[in-house]
Amino acid sequence: RKLLKRQMEEKSAQVKLQRISKANEAEHLLEVDRLALSSEKQQRIQHSKALTAYRDENKRVQPHIYIMHLKLMLSVS
């Protein structure tokens, strides 16, 4: 009888440890996922900023190129 009781207690303790381990693993995976999502968000933000800067630079440079092209065409004529 005592042996059975001890075996049941050991089994219960083992199941409890397994639950704790699974909970810790799930918590770790959630944190890894959260960090990955945060990193992806930062990459999207940086990409968007780079594209905006590229667009703005093109808007700034494009009229100058057009004017230089016109001057060149006029000087050739």
PDB file of N, CA and C in Angstrom:
ATOM      1  N   ARG A   1       0.818  -1.194   0.000  1.00  0.00           N
ATOM      2  CA  ARG A   1       0.000   0.000   0.000  1.00  0.00           C
ATOM      3  C   ARG A   1       0.865   1.262   0.000  1.00  0.00           C
ATOM      4  N   LYS A   2       1.865   1.306   0.874  1.00  0.00           N
ATOM      5  CA  LYS A   2       2.774   2.452   0.916  1.00  0.00           C
ATOM      6  C   LYS A   2       3.545   2.575  -0.396  1.00  0.00           C
ATOM      7  N   LEU A   3       3.908   1.438  -0.957  1.00  0.00           N
ATOM      8  CA  LEU A   3       4.629   1.439  -2.218  1.00  0.00           C
ATOM      9  C   LEU A   3       3.770   2.051  -3.320  1.00  0.00           C
ATOM     10  N   LEU A   4       2.517   1.665  -3.378  1.00  0.00           N
ATOM     11  CA  LEU A   4       1.601   2.200  -4.380  1.00  0.00           C
ATOM     12  C   LEU A   4       1.424   3.707  -4.187  1.00  0.00           C
ATOM     13  N   LYS A   5       1.284   4.120  -2.930  1.00  0.00           N
ATOM     14  CA  LYS A   5       1.123   5.547  -2.640  1.00  0.00           C
ATOM     15  C   LYS A   5       2.363   6.330  -3.084  1.00  0.00           C
ATOM     16  N   ARG A   6       3.547   5.789  -2.798  1.00  0.00           N
ATOM     17  CA  ARG A   6       4.792   6.448  -3.187  1.00  0.00           C
ATOM     18  C   ARG A   6       4.905   6.511  -4.713  1.00  0.00           C
ATOM     19  N   GLN A   7       4.541   5.430  -5.388  1.00  0.00           N
ATOM     20  CA  GLN A   7       4.590   5.411  -6.849  1.00  0.00           C
ATOM     21  C   GLN A   7       3.643   6.460  -7.443  1.00  0.00           C
ATOM     22  N   MET A   8       2.473   6.590  -6.857  1.00  0.00           N
ATOM     23  CA  MET A   8       1.504   7.580  -7.334  1.00  0.00           C
ATOM     24  C   MET A   8       2.025   8.997  -7.112  1.00  0.00           C
ATOM     25  N   GLU A   9       2.656   9.226  -5.959  1.00  0.00           N
ATOM     26  CA  GLU A   9       3.225  10.540  -5.671  1.00  0.00           C
ATOM     27  C   GLU A   9       4.366  10.868  -6.634  1.00  0.00           C
ATOM     28  N   GLU A  10       5.201   9.865  -6.920  1.00  0.00           N
ATOM     29  CA  GLU A  10       6.302  10.070  -7.863  1.00  0.00           C
ATOM     30  C   GLU A  10       5.770  10.379  -9.259  1.00  0.00           C
ATOM     31  N   LYS A  11       4.742   9.625  -9.656  1.00  0.00           N
ATOM     32  CA  LYS A  11       4.135   9.852 -10.968  1.00  0.00           C
ATOM     33  C   LYS A  11       3.534  11.257 -11.032  1.00  0.00           C
ATOM     34  N   SER A  12       2.861  11.667  -9.975  1.00  0.00           N
ATOM     35  CA  SER A  12       2.262  12.996  -9.916  1.00  0.00           C
ATOM     36  C   SER A  12       3.337  14.083 -10.008  1.00  0.00           C
ATOM     37  N   ALA A  13       4.434  13.888  -9.290  1.00  0.00           N
ATOM     38  CA  ALA A  13       5.532  14.855  -9.325  1.00  0.00           C
ATOM     39  C   ALA A  13       6.149  14.908 -10.721  1.00  0.00           C
ATOM     40  N   GLN A  14       6.279  13.746 -11.354  1.00  0.00           N
ATOM     41  CA  GLN A  14       6.836  13.683 -12.702  1.00  0.00           C
ATOM     42  C   GLN A  14       5.937  14.425 -13.693  1.00  0.00           C
ATOM     43  N   VAL A  15       4.630  14.213 -13.594  1.00  0.00           N
ATOM     44  CA  VAL A  15       3.680  14.890 -14.483  1.00  0.00           C
ATOM     45  C   VAL A  15       3.742  16.397 -14.257  1.00  0.00           C
ATOM     46  N   LYS A  16       3.849  16.800 -13.002  1.00  0.00           N
ATOM     47  CA  LYS A  16       3.929  18.228 -12.685  1.00  0.00           C
ATOM     48  C   LYS A  16       5.189  18.847 -13.293  1.00  0.00           C
ATOM     49  N   LEU A  17       6.319  18.154 -13.188  1.00  0.00           N
ATOM     50  CA  LEU A  17       7.560  18.653 -13.777  1.00  0.00           C
ATOM     51  C   LEU A  17       7.455  18.746 -15.300  1.00  0.00           C
ATOM     52  N   GLN A  18       6.777  17.770 -15.917  1.00  0.00           N
ATOM     53  CA  GLN A  18       6.593  17.811 -17.367  1.00  0.00           C
ATOM     54  C   GLN A  18       5.750  19.020 -17.769  1.00  0.00           C
ATOM     55  N   ARG A  19       4.701  19.290 -17.004  1.00  0.00           N
ATOM     56  CA  ARG A  19       3.858  20.456 -17.293  1.00  0.00           C
ATOM     57  C   ARG A  19       4.652  21.751 -17.171  1.00  0.00           C
ATOM     58  N   ILE A  20       5.443  21.836 -16.114  1.00  0.00           N
ATOM     59  CA  ILE A  20       6.265  23.033 -15.910  1.00  0.00           C
ATOM     60  C   ILE A  20       7.252  23.196 -17.060  1.00  0.00           C
ATOM     61  N   SER A  21       7.867  22.085 -17.461  1.00  0.00           N
ATOM     62  CA  SER A  21       8.824  22.121 -18.564  1.00  0.00           C
ATOM     63  C   SER A  21       8.150  22.571 -19.857  1.00  0.00           C
ATOM     64  N   LYS A  22       6.974  22.037 -20.146  1.00  0.00           N
ATOM     65  CA  LYS A  22       6.249  22.422 -21.359  1.00  0.00           C
ATOM     66  C   LYS A  22       5.828  23.886 -21.303  1.00  0.00           C
ATOM     67  N   ALA A  23       5.421  24.340 -20.131  1.00  0.00           N
ATOM     68  CA  ALA A  23       5.030  25.743 -19.980  1.00  0.00           C
ATOM     69  C   ALA A  23       6.234  26.658 -20.212  1.00  0.00           C
ATOM     70  N   ASN A  24       7.384  26.274 -19.664  1.00  0.00           N
ATOM     71  CA  ASN A  24       8.600  27.069 -19.867  1.00  0.00           C
ATOM     72  C   ASN A  24       9.005  27.082 -21.337  1.00  0.00           C
ATOM     73  N   GLU A  25       8.880  25.931 -21.997  1.00  0.00           N
ATOM     74  CA  GLU A  25       9.218  25.852 -23.418  1.00  0.00           C
ATOM     75  C   GLU A  25       8.276  26.736 -24.240  1.00  0.00           C
ATOM     76  N   ALA A  26       6.989  26.686 -23.919  1.00  0.00           N
ATOM     77  CA  ALA A  26       6.016  27.512 -24.638  1.00  0.00           C
ATOM     78  C   ALA A  26       6.308  28.993 -24.423  1.00  0.00           C
ATOM     79  N   GLU A  27       6.649  29.354 -23.202  1.00  0.00           N
ATOM     80  CA  GLU A  27       6.981  30.749 -22.896  1.00  0.00           C
ATOM     81  C   GLU A  27       8.213  31.191 -23.686  1.00  0.00           C
ATOM     82  N   HIS A  28       9.202  30.310 -23.752  1.00  0.00           N
ATOM     83  CA  HIS A  28      10.419  30.615 -24.514  1.00  0.00           C
ATOM     84  C   HIS A  28      10.096  30.793 -25.997  1.00  0.00           C
ATOM     85  N   LEU A  29       9.282  29.907 -26.554  1.00  0.00           N
ATOM     86  CA  LEU A  29       8.921  30.001 -27.970  1.00  0.00           C
ATOM     87  C   LEU A  29       8.133  31.277 -28.261  1.00  0.00           C
ATOM     88  N   LEU A  30       7.267  31.665 -27.349  1.00  0.00           N
ATOM     89  CA  LEU A  30       6.528  32.916 -27.523  1.00  0.00           C
ATOM     90  C   LEU A  30       7.477  34.114 -27.539  1.00  0.00           C
ATOM     91  N   GLU A  31       8.469  34.080 -26.669  1.00  0.00           N
ATOM     92  CA  GLU A  31       9.445  35.174 -26.616  1.00  0.00           C
ATOM     93  C   GLU A  31      10.275  35.218 -27.899  1.00  0.00           C
ATOM     94  N   VAL A  32      10.695  34.049 -28.382  1.00  0.00           N
ATOM     95  CA  VAL A  32      11.452  33.991 -29.637  1.00  0.00           C
ATOM     96  C   VAL A  32      10.605  34.551 -30.773  1.00  0.00           C
ATOM     97  N   ASP A  33       9.339  34.167 -30.818  1.00  0.00           N
ATOM     98  CA  ASP A  33       8.429  34.648 -31.858  1.00  0.00           C
ATOM     99  C   ASP A  33       8.237  36.161 -31.757  1.00  0.00           C
ATOM    100  N   ARG A  34       8.081  36.661 -30.543  1.00  0.00           N
ATOM    101  CA  ARG A  34       7.898  38.097 -30.335  1.00  0.00           C
ATOM    102  C   ARG A  34       9.125  38.871 -30.812  1.00  0.00           C
ATOM    103  N   LEU A  35      10.306  38.346 -30.492  1.00  0.00           N
ATOM    104  CA  LEU A  35      11.536  39.011 -30.924  1.00  0.00           C
ATOM    105  C   LEU A  35      11.678  38.988 -32.446  1.00  0.00           C
ATOM    106  N   ALA A  36      11.297  37.878 -33.065  1.00  0.00           N
ATOM    107  CA  ALA A  36      11.369  37.783 -34.530  1.00  0.00           C
ATOM    108  C   ALA A  36      10.415  38.784 -35.172  1.00  0.00           C
ATOM    109  N   LEU A  37       9.212  38.887 -34.641  1.00  0.00           N
ATOM    110  CA  LEU A  37       8.243  39.842 -35.185  1.00  0.00           C
ATOM    111  C   LEU A  37       8.730  41.278 -35.008  1.00  0.00           C
ATOM    112  N   SER A  38       9.314  41.549 -33.861  1.00  0.00           N
ATOM    113  CA  SER A  38       9.840  42.888 -33.601  1.00  0.00           C
ATOM    114  C   SER A  38      10.982  43.215 -34.570  1.00  0.00           C
ATOM    115  N   SER A  39      11.848  42.244 -34.802  1.00  0.00           N
ATOM    116  CA  SER A  39      12.958  42.438 -35.733  1.00  0.00           C
ATOM    117  C   SER A  39      12.446  42.668 -37.151  1.00  0.00           C
ATOM    118  N   GLU A  40      11.462  41.880 -37.566  1.00  0.00           N
ATOM    119  CA  GLU A  40      10.880  42.055 -38.900  1.00  0.00           C
ATOM    120  C   GLU A  40      10.250  43.436 -39.043  1.00  0.00           C
ATOM    121  N   LYS A  41       9.590  43.889 -37.987  1.00  0.00           N
ATOM    122  CA  LYS A  41       8.969  45.216 -38.024  1.00  0.00           C
ATOM    123  C   LYS A  41      10.041  46.294 -38.194  1.00  0.00           C
ATOM    124  N   GLN A  42      11.130  46.177 -37.450  1.00  0.00           N
ATOM    125  CA  GLN A  42      12.211  47.155 -37.562  1.00  0.00           C
ATOM    126  C   GLN A  42      12.829  47.137 -38.958  1.00  0.00           C
ATOM    127  N   GLN A  43      12.963  45.939 -39.534  1.00  0.00           N
ATOM    128  CA  GLN A  43      13.507  45.841 -40.893  1.00  0.00           C
ATOM    129  C   GLN A  43      12.579  46.515 -41.900  1.00  0.00           C
ATOM    130  N   ARG A  44      11.271  46.325 -41.733  1.00  0.00           N
ATOM    131  CA  ARG A  44      10.308  46.976 -42.637  1.00  0.00           C
ATOM    132  C   ARG A  44      10.388  48.492 -42.503  1.00  0.00           C
ATOM    133  N   ILE A  45      10.526  48.975 -41.278  1.00  0.00           N
ATOM    134  CA  ILE A  45      10.632  50.418 -41.040  1.00  0.00           C
ATOM    135  C   ILE A  45      11.893  50.964 -41.713  1.00  0.00           C
ATOM    136  N   GLN A  46      13.023  50.271 -41.531  1.00  0.00           N
ATOM    137  CA  GLN A  46      14.277  50.723 -42.138  1.00  0.00           C
ATOM    138  C   GLN A  46      14.191  50.692 -43.661  1.00  0.00           C
ATOM    139  N   HIS A  47      13.568  49.660 -44.199  1.00  0.00           N
ATOM    140  CA  HIS A  47      13.410  49.550 -45.655  1.00  0.00           C
ATOM    141  C   HIS A  47      12.552  50.703 -46.179  1.00  0.00           C
ATOM    142  N   SER A  48      11.483  50.989 -45.461  1.00  0.00           N
ATOM    143  CA  SER A  48      10.597  52.082 -45.859  1.00  0.00           C
ATOM    144  C   SER A  48      11.340  53.418 -45.827  1.00  0.00           C
ATOM    145  N   LYS A  49      12.136  53.630 -44.790  1.00  0.00           N
ATOM    146  CA  LYS A  49      12.915  54.871 -44.698  1.00  0.00           C
ATOM    147  C   LYS A  49      13.916  54.974 -45.843  1.00  0.00           C
ATOM    148  N   ALA A  50      14.548  53.852 -46.179  1.00  0.00           N
ATOM    149  CA  ALA A  50      15.524  53.856 -47.275  1.00  0.00           C
ATOM    150  C   ALA A  50      14.839  54.173 -48.601  1.00  0.00           C
ATOM    151  N   LEU A  51      13.677  53.580 -48.836  1.00  0.00           N
ATOM    152  CA  LEU A  51      12.946  53.856 -50.076  1.00  0.00           C
ATOM    153  C   LEU A  51      12.500  55.312 -50.144  1.00  0.00           C
ATOM    154  N   THR A  52      12.062  55.852 -49.026  1.00  0.00           N
ATOM    155  CA  THR A  52      11.645  57.254 -48.983  1.00  0.00           C
ATOM    156  C   THR A  52      12.832  58.172 -49.277  1.00  0.00           C
ATOM    157  N   ALA A  53      13.977  57.877 -48.679  1.00  0.00           N
ATOM    158  CA  ALA A  53      15.171  58.693 -48.926  1.00  0.00           C
ATOM    159  C   ALA A  53      15.588  58.598 -50.391  1.00  0.00           C
ATOM    160  N   TYR A  54      15.506  57.405 -50.965  1.00  0.00           N
ATOM    161  CA  TYR A  54      15.851  57.209 -52.379  1.00  0.00           C
ATOM    162  C   TYR A  54      14.914  58.015 -53.271  1.00  0.00           C
ATOM    163  N   ARG A  55      13.617  57.943 -52.975  1.00  0.00           N
ATOM    164  CA  ARG A  55      12.628  58.700 -53.751  1.00  0.00           C
ATOM    165  C   ARG A  55      12.883  60.204 -53.637  1.00  0.00           C
ATOM    166  N   ASP A  56      13.105  60.664 -52.417  1.00  0.00           N
ATOM    167  CA  ASP A  56      13.338  62.094 -52.207  1.00  0.00           C
ATOM    168  C   ASP A  56      14.596  62.568 -52.932  1.00  0.00           C
ATOM    169  N   GLU A  57      15.639  61.748 -52.911  1.00  0.00           N
ATOM    170  CA  GLU A  57      16.874  62.110 -53.612  1.00  0.00           C
ATOM    171  C   GLU A  57      16.633  62.169 -55.115  1.00  0.00           C
ATOM    172  N   ASN A  58      15.871  61.227 -55.639  1.00  0.00           N
ATOM    173  CA  ASN A  58      15.552  61.256 -57.069  1.00  0.00           C
ATOM    174  C   ASN A  58      14.757  62.502 -57.428  1.00  0.00           C
ATOM    175  N   LYS A  59      13.830  62.889 -56.575  1.00  0.00           N
ATOM    176  CA  LYS A  59      13.045  64.101 -56.837  1.00  0.00           C
ATOM    177  C   LYS A  59      13.943  65.336 -56.833  1.00  0.00           C
ATOM    178  N   ARG A  60      14.942  65.330 -55.963  1.00  0.00           N
ATOM    179  CA  ARG A  60      15.849  66.470 -55.857  1.00  0.00           C
ATOM    180  C   ARG A  60      16.789  66.526 -57.064  1.00  0.00           C
ATOM    181  N   VAL A  61      17.284  65.387 -57.506  1.00  0.00           N
ATOM    182  CA  VAL A  61      18.286  65.333 -58.566  1.00  0.00           C
ATOM    183  C   VAL A  61      17.660  65.394 -59.951  1.00  0.00           C
ATOM    184  N   GLN A  62      16.506  64.832 -60.130  1.00  0.00           N
ATOM    185  CA  GLN A  62      15.895  64.709 -61.458  1.00  0.00           C
ATOM    186  C   GLN A  62      15.766  66.045 -62.200  1.00  0.00           C
ATOM    187  N   PRO A  63      15.263  67.111 -61.597  1.00  0.00           N
ATOM    188  CA  PRO A  63      15.167  68.390 -62.336  1.00  0.00           C
ATOM    189  C   PRO A  63      16.532  68.902 -62.794  1.00  0.00           C
ATOM    190  N   HIS A  64      17.568  68.713 -61.986  1.00  0.00           N
ATOM    191  CA  HIS A  64      18.908  69.167 -62.357  1.00  0.00           C
ATOM    192  C   HIS A  64      19.418  68.405 -63.578  1.00  0.00           C
ATOM    193  N   ILE A  65      19.155  67.124 -63.620  1.00  0.00           N
ATOM    194  CA  ILE A  65      19.579  66.318 -64.772  1.00  0.00           C
ATOM    195  C   ILE A  65      18.855  66.791 -66.024  1.00  0.00           C
ATOM    196  N   TYR A  66      17.572  67.074 -65.901  1.00  0.00           N
ATOM    197  CA  TYR A  66      16.777  67.536 -67.040  1.00  0.00           C
ATOM    198  C   TYR A  66      17.317  68.864 -67.563  1.00  0.00           C
ATOM    199  N   ILE A  67      17.638  69.781 -66.656  1.00  0.00           N
ATOM    200  CA  ILE A  67      18.172  71.093 -67.048  1.00  0.00           C
ATOM    201  C   ILE A  67      19.537  70.928 -67.711  1.00  0.00           C
ATOM    202  N   MET A  68      20.388  70.071 -67.151  1.00  0.00           N
ATOM    203  CA  MET A  68      21.705  69.842 -67.748  1.00  0.00           C
ATOM    204  C   MET A  68      21.557  69.250 -69.144  1.00  0.00           C
ATOM    205  N   HIS A  69      20.616  68.354 -69.318  1.00  0.00           N
ATOM    206  CA  HIS A  69      20.374  67.746 -70.625  1.00  0.00           C
ATOM    207  C   HIS A  69      19.924  68.817 -71.630  1.00  0.00           C
ATOM    208  N   LEU A  70      19.026  69.703 -71.212  1.00  0.00           N
ATOM    209  CA  LEU A  70      18.569  70.778 -72.099  1.00  0.00           C
ATOM    210  C   LEU A  70      19.718  71.701 -72.489  1.00  0.00           C
ATOM    211  N   LYS A  71      20.549  72.064 -71.521  1.00  0.00           N
ATOM    212  CA  LYS A  71      21.694  72.936 -71.811  1.00  0.00           C
ATOM    213  C   LYS A  71      22.637  72.262 -72.798  1.00  0.00           C
ATOM    214  N   LEU A  72      22.861  70.984 -72.609  1.00  0.00           N
ATOM    215  CA  LEU A  72      23.730  70.242 -73.506  1.00  0.00           C
ATOM    216  C   LEU A  72      23.151  70.222 -74.912  1.00  0.00           C
ATOM    217  N   MET A  73      21.861  69.981 -75.009  1.00  0.00           N
ATOM    218  CA  MET A  73      21.204  69.936 -76.319  1.00  0.00           C
ATOM    219  C   MET A  73      21.267  71.308 -77.000  1.00  0.00           C
ATOM    220  N   LEU A  74      21.103  72.365 -76.217  1.00  0.00           N
ATOM    221  CA  LEU A  74      21.139  73.715 -76.784  1.00  0.00           C
ATOM    222  C   LEU A  74      22.551  74.095 -77.225  1.00  0.00           C
ATOM    223  N   SER A  75      23.540  73.650 -76.474  1.00  0.00           N
ATOM    224  CA  SER A  75      24.914  74.002 -76.829  1.00  0.00           C
ATOM    225  C   SER A  75      25.387  73.237 -78.059  1.00  0.00           C
ATOM    226  N   VAL A  76      24.830  72.069 -78.305  1.00  0.00           N
ATOM    227  CA  VAL A  76      25.194  71.277 -79.475  1.00  0.00           C
ATOM    228  C   VAL A  76      24.581  71.891 -80.726  1.00  0.00           C
ATOM    229  N   SER A  77      23.413  72.479 -80.596  1.00  0.00           N
ATOM    230  CA  SER A  77      22.701  73.033 -81.767  1.00  0.00           C
ATOM    231  C   SER A  77      23.374  74.210 -82.358  1.00  0.00           C
TER     232      SER A  77
END
